[in-house]
Amino acid sequence: MSENVRAKAEQALALVDEVNAVVLPEPKEATAVVTLEQADPATSEEIRSRMAEIDMGDTNSIVAFGSAAQAELQEISQAMLQDVRNKDVGPAGDSLRGIVTTIRGFSISELDVRRERSFWEKLLGKAAPFAKFTARFEEVQGQIDKITDDLLKHEHTLLKDIKSLDLLYEKTLNFYDELALYIAAGEQKLKDLDENDIPAKEAEVQAAAEGDQVMKAQELRDLRAARDDLERRVHDLKLTRQVTMQSLPSIRLVQENDKSLVTKINSTLVNTVPLWETQLAQAVTIQRSAEAAAAVRDANDLTNELLTANAKNLRDSNAMIRQEMERGVFDIEAVKQANADLIGTIEDSLRIADEGKARRAAAETELKKMESDLRDTLASAKARKTGTGDNAGTAVPG
């Protein structure tokens, strides 16, 4: 809230106290209509002056009897209605609901900068949570300033209405009392007509000559008709007075409601709105602190992770290097395996050579045997002295 608005709201406190301090008079009882005989001299004079307004020969004077009392009241009512028609702002309650809606629409959950943006937020390319929150805060602040300015206007309008209602109440109460005078005057006039004027006119009819009796009788009928019109008019005034008495509590009720609303608006402007603004500012400050703390924590976590990772890597690499350093040019297991393979190779070579020598010896023995067998067979063939044998035997060397 701007300083100007706050100053105006504090200045309005005096006006609120002023309208709340007004005590309006209570109306008299509806039956408290003082007759001419019971009235004091001043009231009797007022009643007689109103009786003088009645002209029994003029119907309009009877119809308009008591209407003058309502003229000033109508002027005030019409001025208030015109003021209502000229208003170009909504009800104050709408502004109060608007400021509540604005505050409720300010979501603190949007402050979480670590909150994972939804699929739609990513798809629509919405800003990061804190940037969005800051923009939302500025928007809400602007809305609060506008609504508080509207509330000030509503407050001044309601204060004006309350004062107008005070005046309306006073004039309505005066009209209520004025109606009592008109009712008393009308009833007194009816009493005079019933007790004096009509009996006198009846006597005139009876005493008139035969040629004038028709005219006198008509005058009597007109007088009686005018008397009945006056009686109906007085009855209407009594009903109007009763309705007027009922309207007084209604005016008071509207006033009380307006006063309560003015008090609520002023309390909202002076106390609630600054408290809201303080809480919103604290929310932003707290979030900024939380954001900074989160950044520091992330840096510390990263440092710890680096220290732990480097220590582990150093241990692993040192173990590997030391193992390589402590190894010989050749591993003893590799030399042992190579020596065993070499011995096996030599033994295989000797075995294979021995086996080859034995096979060759066996083959030579077998060849000699086959050669001996062949020679013996040929020799046997020569002994038979056949041509076939001779040919076969001479084919083999001796």
Protein backbone atom coordinates (compact mmCIF):
# COMPACT_ATOMS: atom_id res chain seq x y z
CA MET A 1 0.00 0.00 0.00
CA SER A 2 1.31 3.43 -0.90
CA GLU A 3 1.94 6.02 1.80
CA ASN A 4 -0.73 8.25 0.29
CA VAL A 5 -3.37 5.53 0.57
CA ARG A 6 -2.28 4.69 4.11
CA ALA A 7 -2.50 8.35 5.14
CA LYS A 8 -6.01 8.66 3.66
CA ALA A 9 -7.09 5.50 5.46
CA GLU A 10 -5.83 6.84 8.79
CA GLN A 11 -7.54 10.18 8.18
CA ALA A 12 -10.81 8.35 7.55
CA LEU A 13 -10.65 6.92 11.07
CA ALA A 14 -11.91 10.23 12.47
CA LEU A 15 -14.84 10.22 10.06
CA VAL A 16 -15.68 6.62 10.99
CA ASP A 17 -15.67 7.54 14.68
CA GLU A 18 -17.82 10.57 13.93
CA VAL A 19 -20.57 8.64 12.15
CA ASN A 20 -20.49 5.90 14.77
CA ALA A 21 -20.98 8.49 17.52
CA VAL A 22 -24.25 9.81 16.07
CA VAL A 23 -27.27 8.77 18.14
CA LEU A 24 -30.58 9.16 16.35
CA PRO A 25 -33.79 9.91 18.28
CA GLU A 26 -36.39 7.22 18.71
CA PRO A 27 -39.88 7.68 17.12
CA LYS A 28 -42.98 8.10 19.19
CA GLU A 29 -45.56 5.38 19.46
CA ALA A 30 -47.84 4.94 16.46
CA THR A 31 -50.91 5.63 18.59
CA ALA A 32 -49.55 8.84 20.05
CA VAL A 33 -51.77 11.20 18.06
CA VAL A 34 -52.70 14.12 20.30
CA THR A 35 -56.18 15.49 19.76
CA LEU A 36 -56.92 19.20 19.67
CA GLU A 37 -58.42 19.12 23.17
CA GLN A 38 -55.37 17.30 24.62
CA ALA A 39 -52.72 19.36 22.84
CA ASP A 40 -50.74 22.15 24.41
CA PRO A 41 -51.22 25.66 23.02
CA ALA A 42 -48.32 25.41 20.56
CA THR A 43 -49.50 22.04 19.23
CA SER A 44 -53.10 23.31 19.10
CA GLU A 45 -51.97 26.17 16.93
CA GLU A 46 -50.17 23.74 14.59
CA ILE A 47 -53.28 21.56 14.34
CA ARG A 48 -55.55 24.55 13.60
CA SER A 49 -53.19 25.80 10.88
CA ARG A 50 -53.44 22.43 9.15
CA MET A 51 -57.19 22.37 9.55
CA ALA A 52 -57.22 25.66 7.67
CA GLU A 53 -55.72 23.91 4.66
CA ILE A 54 -58.96 21.95 4.20
CA ASP A 55 -61.54 23.51 1.92
CA MET A 56 -64.57 21.28 1.91
CA GLY A 57 -65.70 22.89 -1.32
CA ASP A 58 -62.43 22.06 -3.07
CA THR A 59 -61.85 18.36 -3.72
CA ASN A 60 -58.16 18.93 -4.52
CA SER A 61 -57.51 20.36 -1.08
CA ILE A 62 -58.86 17.16 0.45
CA VAL A 63 -56.89 14.89 -1.89
CA ALA A 64 -53.65 16.86 -1.28
CA PHE A 65 -54.24 17.13 2.46
CA GLY A 66 -50.94 16.21 4.22
CA SER A 67 -48.90 15.92 1.02
CA ALA A 68 -46.91 19.08 1.79
CA ALA A 69 -45.33 17.32 4.73
CA GLN A 70 -43.74 14.78 2.41
CA ALA A 71 -42.21 17.24 -0.06
CA GLU A 72 -38.90 17.72 1.74
CA LEU A 73 -38.65 14.01 2.46
CA GLN A 74 -39.14 13.24 -1.23
CA GLU A 75 -36.41 15.73 -2.17
CA ILE A 76 -33.92 13.97 0.11
CA SER A 77 -34.95 10.50 -1.12
CA GLN A 78 -34.68 11.54 -4.75
CA ALA A 79 -31.25 13.08 -4.14
CA MET A 80 -30.07 9.82 -2.60
CA LEU A 81 -31.49 7.77 -5.47
CA GLN A 82 -29.83 10.09 -7.97
CA ASP A 83 -26.54 9.66 -6.14
CA VAL A 84 -26.96 5.87 -6.32
CA ARG A 85 -27.62 6.05 -10.07
CA ASN A 86 -24.53 8.23 -10.55
CA LYS A 87 -22.22 5.71 -8.89
CA ASP A 88 -19.87 4.09 -11.36
CA VAL A 89 -18.19 1.67 -8.94
CA GLY A 90 -19.31 -1.73 -7.70
CA PRO A 91 -20.27 -2.58 -4.14
CA ALA A 92 -17.60 -2.39 -1.49
CA GLY A 93 -18.14 -6.05 -0.72
CA ASP A 94 -16.95 -6.94 -4.22
CA SER A 95 -13.67 -5.14 -3.57
CA LEU A 96 -13.19 -6.94 -0.28
CA ARG A 97 -13.86 -10.27 -1.99
CA GLY A 98 -11.52 -9.22 -4.79
CA ILE A 99 -8.61 -8.56 -2.46
CA VAL A 100 -9.18 -11.90 -0.70
CA THR A 101 -9.26 -13.68 -4.06
CA THR A 102 -6.04 -11.93 -5.08
CA ILE A 103 -4.22 -13.04 -1.94
CA ARG A 104 -5.54 -16.61 -2.20
CA GLY A 105 -4.37 -16.75 -5.80
CA PHE A 106 -0.83 -16.07 -4.60
CA SER A 107 0.54 -19.62 -4.22
CA ILE A 108 3.50 -20.01 -1.88
CA SER A 109 4.14 -23.46 -3.38
CA GLU A 110 5.37 -21.64 -6.48
CA LEU A 111 8.37 -20.54 -4.41
CA ASP A 112 10.08 -23.93 -4.50
CA VAL A 113 12.95 -23.36 -6.93
CA ARG A 114 13.80 -27.07 -6.86
CA ARG A 115 10.29 -28.01 -7.89
CA GLU A 116 10.29 -29.99 -11.10
CA ARG A 117 8.29 -28.15 -13.72
CA SER A 118 5.31 -30.05 -15.05
CA PHE A 119 5.09 -31.37 -18.58
CA TRP A 120 2.83 -28.51 -19.58
CA GLU A 121 5.13 -25.91 -18.01
CA LYS A 122 8.05 -27.31 -19.96
CA LEU A 123 6.00 -27.59 -23.14
CA LEU A 124 4.79 -24.00 -22.85
CA GLY A 125 8.26 -22.77 -21.92
CA LYS A 126 7.20 -21.24 -18.64
CA ALA A 127 9.76 -19.41 -16.53
CA ALA A 128 11.62 -20.94 -13.63
CA PRO A 129 9.57 -21.10 -10.39
CA PHE A 130 11.25 -18.22 -8.55
CA ALA A 131 11.23 -15.89 -11.56
CA LYS A 132 7.56 -16.69 -12.04
CA PHE A 133 6.91 -16.13 -8.33
CA THR A 134 8.61 -12.71 -8.37
CA ALA A 135 6.52 -11.63 -11.34
CA ARG A 136 3.40 -12.93 -9.58
CA PHE A 137 4.32 -10.98 -6.43
CA GLU A 138 4.64 -7.75 -8.40
CA GLU A 139 1.29 -8.43 -10.07
CA VAL A 140 -0.41 -9.09 -6.72
CA GLN A 141 1.14 -5.95 -5.24
CA GLY A 142 -0.30 -3.89 -8.09
CA GLN A 143 -3.72 -5.48 -7.63
CA ILE A 144 -3.66 -4.77 -3.90
CA ASP A 145 -2.81 -1.11 -4.53
CA LYS A 146 -5.68 -0.79 -7.02
CA ILE A 147 -8.19 -2.52 -4.74
CA THR A 148 -7.16 -0.46 -1.70
CA ASP A 149 -7.71 2.68 -3.75
CA ASP A 150 -11.16 1.37 -4.71
CA LEU A 151 -11.88 0.57 -1.07
CA LEU A 152 -11.05 4.15 -0.11
CA LYS A 153 -13.57 5.39 -2.67
CA HIS A 154 -16.17 2.95 -1.33
CA GLU A 155 -15.45 4.09 2.20
CA HIS A 156 -16.00 7.76 1.38
CA THR A 157 -19.16 6.88 -0.54
CA LEU A 158 -20.50 4.88 2.39
CA LEU A 159 -19.66 7.69 4.82
CA LYS A 160 -21.59 10.05 2.60
CA ASP A 161 -24.50 7.60 2.46
CA ILE A 162 -24.50 7.27 6.24
CA LYS A 163 -24.75 11.03 6.66
CA SER A 164 -27.48 11.17 4.04
CA LEU A 165 -29.31 8.40 5.87
CA ASP A 166 -28.99 10.41 9.08
CA LEU A 167 -30.68 13.32 7.35
CA LEU A 168 -33.27 11.01 5.80
CA TYR A 169 -33.97 9.50 9.19
CA GLU A 170 -34.47 12.93 10.75
CA LYS A 171 -36.74 14.07 7.94
CA THR A 172 -38.68 10.80 8.05
CA LEU A 173 -39.11 11.22 11.79
CA ASN A 174 -40.28 14.80 11.25
CA PHE A 175 -42.67 13.54 8.59
CA TYR A 176 -43.90 10.93 11.06
CA ASP A 177 -44.59 13.65 13.65
CA GLU A 178 -46.07 15.93 10.99
CA LEU A 179 -48.46 13.19 9.94
CA ALA A 180 -49.70 13.04 13.53
CA LEU A 181 -50.60 16.73 13.32
CA TYR A 182 -52.39 16.24 10.00
CA ILE A 183 -54.25 13.22 11.36
CA ALA A 184 -55.27 15.20 14.44
CA ALA A 185 -56.38 18.09 12.22
CA GLY A 186 -58.34 15.77 9.94
CA GLU A 187 -60.06 14.02 12.81
CA GLN A 188 -60.92 17.33 14.41
CA LYS A 189 -62.30 18.54 11.08
CA LEU A 190 -64.38 15.36 10.78
CA LYS A 191 -65.64 15.89 14.30
CA ASP A 192 -66.61 19.48 13.49
CA LEU A 193 -68.36 18.33 10.33
CA ASP A 194 -70.27 15.60 12.14
CA GLU A 195 -71.21 17.75 15.11
CA ASN A 196 -71.68 21.17 13.53
CA ASP A 197 -71.45 21.63 9.76
CA ILE A 198 -73.55 18.68 8.55
CA PRO A 199 -76.33 19.11 11.18
CA ALA A 200 -76.42 22.84 10.29
CA LYS A 201 -76.67 22.01 6.60
CA GLU A 202 -79.43 19.49 7.33
CA ALA A 203 -81.31 22.21 9.20
CA GLU A 204 -80.92 24.54 6.25
CA VAL A 205 -82.40 21.87 3.96
CA GLN A 206 -85.37 21.49 6.29
CA ALA A 207 -85.87 25.22 6.58
CA ALA A 208 -85.45 26.06 2.90
CA ALA A 209 -88.29 26.91 0.65
CA GLU A 210 -89.61 24.19 -1.59
CA GLY A 211 -87.92 25.63 -4.64
CA ASP A 212 -84.54 25.86 -2.87
CA GLN A 213 -84.64 22.45 -1.18
CA VAL A 214 -83.16 20.64 -4.19
CA MET A 215 -80.13 22.94 -4.23
CA LYS A 216 -79.73 22.74 -0.45
CA ALA A 217 -80.06 18.95 -0.54
CA GLN A 218 -77.36 18.76 -3.21
CA GLU A 219 -75.11 20.96 -1.09
CA LEU A 220 -75.71 18.55 1.80
CA ARG A 221 -74.85 15.55 -0.35
CA ASP A 222 -71.67 17.29 -1.60
CA LEU A 223 -70.74 18.12 1.97
CA ARG A 224 -71.27 14.55 3.07
CA ALA A 225 -69.29 13.25 0.06
CA ALA A 226 -66.47 15.66 0.86
CA ARG A 227 -66.64 14.51 4.46
CA ASP A 228 -66.28 10.87 3.35
CA ASP A 229 -63.34 11.82 1.10
CA LEU A 230 -61.69 13.52 4.05
CA GLU A 231 -62.30 10.47 6.21
CA ARG A 232 -60.65 8.25 3.60
CA ARG A 233 -57.76 10.70 3.31
CA VAL A 234 -57.27 10.67 7.08
CA HIS A 235 -57.31 6.88 7.01
CA ASP A 236 -54.64 6.93 4.29
CA LEU A 237 -52.57 9.30 6.42
CA LYS A 238 -52.83 6.87 9.32
CA LEU A 239 -51.63 4.03 7.08
CA THR A 240 -48.83 6.24 5.76
CA ARG A 241 -47.78 7.07 9.31
CA GLN A 242 -47.69 3.39 10.18
CA VAL A 243 -45.54 2.60 7.11
CA THR A 244 -43.34 5.58 7.91
CA MET A 245 -42.78 4.24 11.40
CA GLN A 246 -41.79 0.88 9.90
CA SER A 247 -39.33 2.55 7.52
CA LEU A 248 -37.43 4.15 10.38
CA PRO A 249 -35.95 0.84 11.66
CA SER A 250 -35.13 -0.06 8.04
CA ILE A 251 -33.13 3.15 7.66
CA ARG A 252 -31.38 2.42 10.94
CA LEU A 253 -30.59 -1.13 9.80
CA VAL A 254 -29.10 0.10 6.52
CA GLN A 255 -27.07 2.63 8.47
CA GLU A 256 -25.76 0.01 10.86
CA ASN A 257 -24.77 -2.22 7.96
CA ASP A 258 -23.01 0.67 6.24
CA LYS A 259 -21.24 1.58 9.47
CA SER A 260 -20.10 -2.00 9.96
CA LEU A 261 -18.86 -2.15 6.39
CA VAL A 262 -17.04 1.17 6.75
CA THR A 263 -15.40 -0.07 9.94
CA LYS A 264 -14.40 -3.31 8.21
CA ILE A 265 -13.00 -1.45 5.20
CA ASN A 266 -11.02 0.91 7.41
CA SER A 267 -9.68 -1.98 9.48
CA THR A 268 -8.70 -3.75 6.26
CA LEU A 269 -6.90 -0.67 4.96
CA VAL A 270 -5.15 0.25 8.20
CA ASN A 271 -4.39 -3.21 9.61
CA THR A 272 -5.05 -6.14 7.28
CA VAL A 273 -3.54 -4.89 4.01
CA PRO A 274 -0.22 -3.81 5.61
CA LEU A 275 -0.09 -7.20 7.36
CA TRP A 276 -0.68 -8.97 4.03
CA GLU A 277 2.04 -6.91 2.39
CA THR A 278 4.42 -7.68 5.24
CA GLN A 279 3.73 -11.39 4.97
CA LEU A 280 4.17 -11.34 1.19
CA ALA A 281 7.45 -9.44 1.53
CA GLN A 282 8.60 -11.93 4.15
CA ALA A 283 7.68 -14.78 1.85
CA VAL A 284 9.90 -13.36 -0.89
CA THR A 285 12.75 -12.63 1.53
CA ILE A 286 12.53 -16.07 3.11
CA GLN A 287 12.56 -17.71 -0.30
CA ARG A 288 15.59 -15.69 -1.35
CA SER A 289 17.38 -16.78 1.81
CA ALA A 290 16.35 -20.38 1.19
CA GLU A 291 17.58 -20.12 -2.38
CA ALA A 292 20.96 -18.77 -1.22
CA ALA A 293 21.22 -21.47 1.46
CA ALA A 294 20.41 -24.11 -1.14
CA ALA A 295 23.18 -22.76 -3.39
CA VAL A 296 25.67 -22.87 -0.51
CA ARG A 297 24.55 -26.37 0.41
CA ASP A 298 24.92 -27.53 -3.18
CA ALA A 299 28.45 -26.06 -3.29
CA ASN A 300 29.36 -27.81 -0.04
CA ASP A 301 27.87 -31.07 -1.30
CA LEU A 302 29.88 -30.77 -4.50
CA THR A 303 33.07 -30.11 -2.53
CA ASN A 304 32.47 -33.14 -0.35
CA GLU A 305 31.73 -35.27 -3.39
CA LEU A 306 34.97 -34.13 -5.04
CA LEU A 307 37.00 -34.82 -1.91
CA THR A 308 35.49 -38.29 -1.53
CA ALA A 309 35.87 -39.15 -5.21
CA ASN A 310 39.46 -37.90 -5.36
CA ALA A 311 40.40 -39.85 -2.24
CA LYS A 312 38.89 -43.02 -3.67
CA ASN A 313 40.55 -42.50 -7.04
CA LEU A 314 43.90 -41.84 -5.35
CA ARG A 315 43.63 -45.05 -3.35
CA ASP A 316 42.69 -47.13 -6.41
CA SER A 317 45.42 -45.67 -8.63
CA ASN A 318 48.05 -45.93 -5.87
CA ALA A 319 47.25 -49.60 -5.32
CA MET A 320 47.48 -50.30 -9.06
CA ILE A 321 50.77 -48.41 -9.41
CA ARG A 322 52.38 -50.04 -6.39
CA GLN A 323 51.34 -53.47 -7.62
CA GLU A 324 52.95 -52.78 -11.00
CA MET A 325 56.04 -51.40 -9.35
CA GLU A 326 56.49 -54.47 -7.17
CA ARG A 327 56.12 -56.91 -10.09
CA GLY A 328 59.26 -58.29 -11.82
CA VAL A 329 59.99 -58.04 -15.51
CA PHE A 330 58.45 -61.50 -15.83
CA ASP A 331 56.03 -63.07 -13.46
CA ILE A 332 57.39 -66.27 -11.89
CA GLU A 333 54.18 -68.04 -12.83
CA ALA A 334 54.69 -67.06 -16.47
CA VAL A 335 58.36 -68.21 -16.42
CA LYS A 336 57.39 -71.46 -14.72
CA GLN A 337 54.65 -72.07 -17.28
CA ALA A 338 56.98 -71.26 -20.15
CA ASN A 339 59.67 -73.63 -18.75
CA ALA A 340 57.13 -76.41 -18.35
CA ASP A 341 55.89 -75.85 -21.88
CA LEU A 342 59.49 -75.91 -23.19
CA ILE A 343 60.30 -79.16 -21.34
CA GLY A 344 57.09 -80.66 -22.66
CA THR A 345 58.02 -79.58 -26.17
CA ILE A 346 61.47 -81.18 -25.91
CA GLU A 347 60.04 -84.37 -24.45
CA ASP A 348 57.43 -84.48 -27.21
CA SER A 349 60.15 -84.03 -29.80
CA LEU A 350 62.27 -86.86 -28.31
CA ARG A 351 59.26 -89.12 -28.00
CA ILE A 352 58.14 -88.43 -31.53
CA ALA A 353 61.73 -89.04 -32.79
CA ASP A 354 61.92 -92.34 -30.87
CA GLU A 355 58.59 -93.39 -32.21
CA GLY A 356 59.68 -92.55 -35.75
CA LYS A 357 62.92 -94.51 -35.35
CA ALA A 358 61.02 -97.51 -34.02
CA ARG A 359 58.54 -97.37 -36.88
CA ARG A 360 61.33 -97.16 -39.40
CA ALA A 361 63.08 -100.20 -37.80
CA ALA A 362 59.87 -102.16 -37.84
CA ALA A 363 59.26 -101.17 -41.43
CA GLU A 364 62.78 -102.28 -42.41
CA THR A 365 62.25 -105.64 -40.71
CA GLU A 366 58.94 -106.01 -42.43
CA LEU A 367 60.49 -105.12 -45.77
CA LYS A 368 63.19 -107.74 -45.31
CA LYS A 369 60.58 -110.33 -44.38
CA MET A 370 58.44 -109.42 -47.41
CA GLU A 371 61.51 -109.59 -49.63
CA SER A 372 62.40 -113.06 -48.19
CA ASP A 373 58.87 -114.29 -48.69
CA LEU A 374 58.85 -113.08 -52.25
CA ARG A 375 62.18 -114.77 -52.96
CA ASP A 376 60.99 -118.03 -51.49
CA THR A 377 57.85 -117.93 -53.61
CA LEU A 378 59.82 -117.36 -56.77
CA ALA A 379 62.20 -120.15 -55.93
CA SER A 380 59.32 -122.50 -55.48
CA ALA A 381 57.97 -121.56 -58.88
CA LYS A 382 61.27 -122.48 -60.66
CA ALA A 383 61.22 -125.87 -59.08
CA ARG A 384 57.97 -126.73 -60.85
CA LYS A 385 59.57 -126.02 -64.27
CA THR A 386 56.65 -124.30 -65.82
CA GLY A 387 56.88 -121.61 -68.35
CA THR A 388 55.04 -119.31 -66.09
CA GLY A 389 57.38 -120.05 -63.35
CA ASP A 390 60.40 -119.58 -65.50
CA ASN A 391 59.21 -116.27 -66.67
CA ALA A 392 58.25 -115.22 -63.09
CA GLY A 393 61.48 -116.47 -61.60
CA THR A 394 63.70 -114.83 -64.11
CA ALA A 395 61.90 -111.54 -63.43
CA VAL A 396 63.13 -111.35 -59.81
CA PRO A 397 66.83 -110.59 -59.12
CA GLY A 398 68.85 -113.18 -57.32
